């Protein structure tokens, strides 16, 4: 996986996630800012869930 340039959070799409074009730092930023949890299996993106706050 090669990321040509680092995208801003606003530029990241679902397709970028599926293709693996997003860094772990970006995923962490999305989690911290929006509360989304990314689901993967065997190194592949499987889905997104919204973290439940109690």
Protein backbone atom coordinates (compact mmCIF):
# COMPACT_ATOMS: atom_id res chain seq x y z
CA UNK A 1 0.00 0.00 0.00
CA UNK A 2 1.35 3.36 -1.01
CA UNK A 3 -0.36 6.57 -0.02
CA UNK A 4 0.68 9.30 -2.44
CA UNK A 5 -0.30 12.16 -0.20
CA UNK A 6 -2.04 12.44 3.10
CA UNK A 7 -5.69 13.39 2.66
CA UNK A 8 -7.53 15.76 4.94
CA UNK A 9 -10.29 14.12 6.94
CA UNK A 10 -12.89 15.89 4.82
CA UNK A 11 -11.45 14.31 1.65
CA UNK A 12 -11.59 10.66 2.85
CA UNK A 13 -14.34 8.61 1.23
CA UNK A 14 -15.72 5.13 1.85
CA UNK A 15 -13.95 3.99 -1.34
CA UNK A 16 -10.60 5.19 0.06
CA UNK A 17 -11.23 3.03 3.12
CA UNK A 18 -12.10 -0.03 1.02
CA UNK A 19 -8.98 0.37 -1.14
CA UNK A 20 -6.72 0.78 1.91
CA UNK A 21 -5.68 4.30 0.97
CA UNK A 22 -6.04 5.64 4.51
CA UNK A 23 -3.31 5.60 7.16
CA UNK A 24 -3.78 4.33 10.69
CA UNK A 25 -3.17 7.87 11.94
CA UNK A 26 -6.08 9.09 9.82
CA UNK A 27 -8.33 6.29 11.10
CA UNK A 28 -7.40 7.23 14.66
CA UNK A 29 -8.18 10.89 13.93
CA UNK A 30 -11.60 9.93 12.53
CA UNK A 31 -12.27 7.81 15.63
CA UNK A 32 -11.26 10.62 17.99
CA UNK A 33 -13.23 13.29 16.12
CA UNK A 34 -16.37 11.39 15.08
CA UNK A 35 -16.45 8.18 17.17
CA UNK A 36 -16.48 5.74 14.25
CA UNK A 37 -15.04 2.26 14.78
CA UNK A 38 -13.49 0.52 11.78
CA UNK A 39 -13.98 -3.23 11.43
CA UNK A 40 -11.43 -5.36 9.64
CA UNK A 41 -10.60 -8.99 9.14
CA UNK A 42 -7.43 -10.53 7.72
CA UNK A 43 -6.08 -7.06 6.97
CA UNK A 44 -9.12 -6.03 4.91
CA UNK A 45 -11.71 -3.36 5.64
CA UNK A 46 -15.13 -4.86 6.45
CA UNK A 47 -17.26 -2.00 7.79
CA UNK A 48 -17.83 0.98 10.06
CA UNK A 49 -19.80 1.27 13.28
CA UNK A 50 -20.62 4.31 15.38
CA UNK A 51 -19.32 3.98 18.94
CA UNK A 52 -22.14 3.83 21.46
CA UNK A 53 -21.79 6.28 24.34
CA UNK A 54 -23.53 5.35 27.58
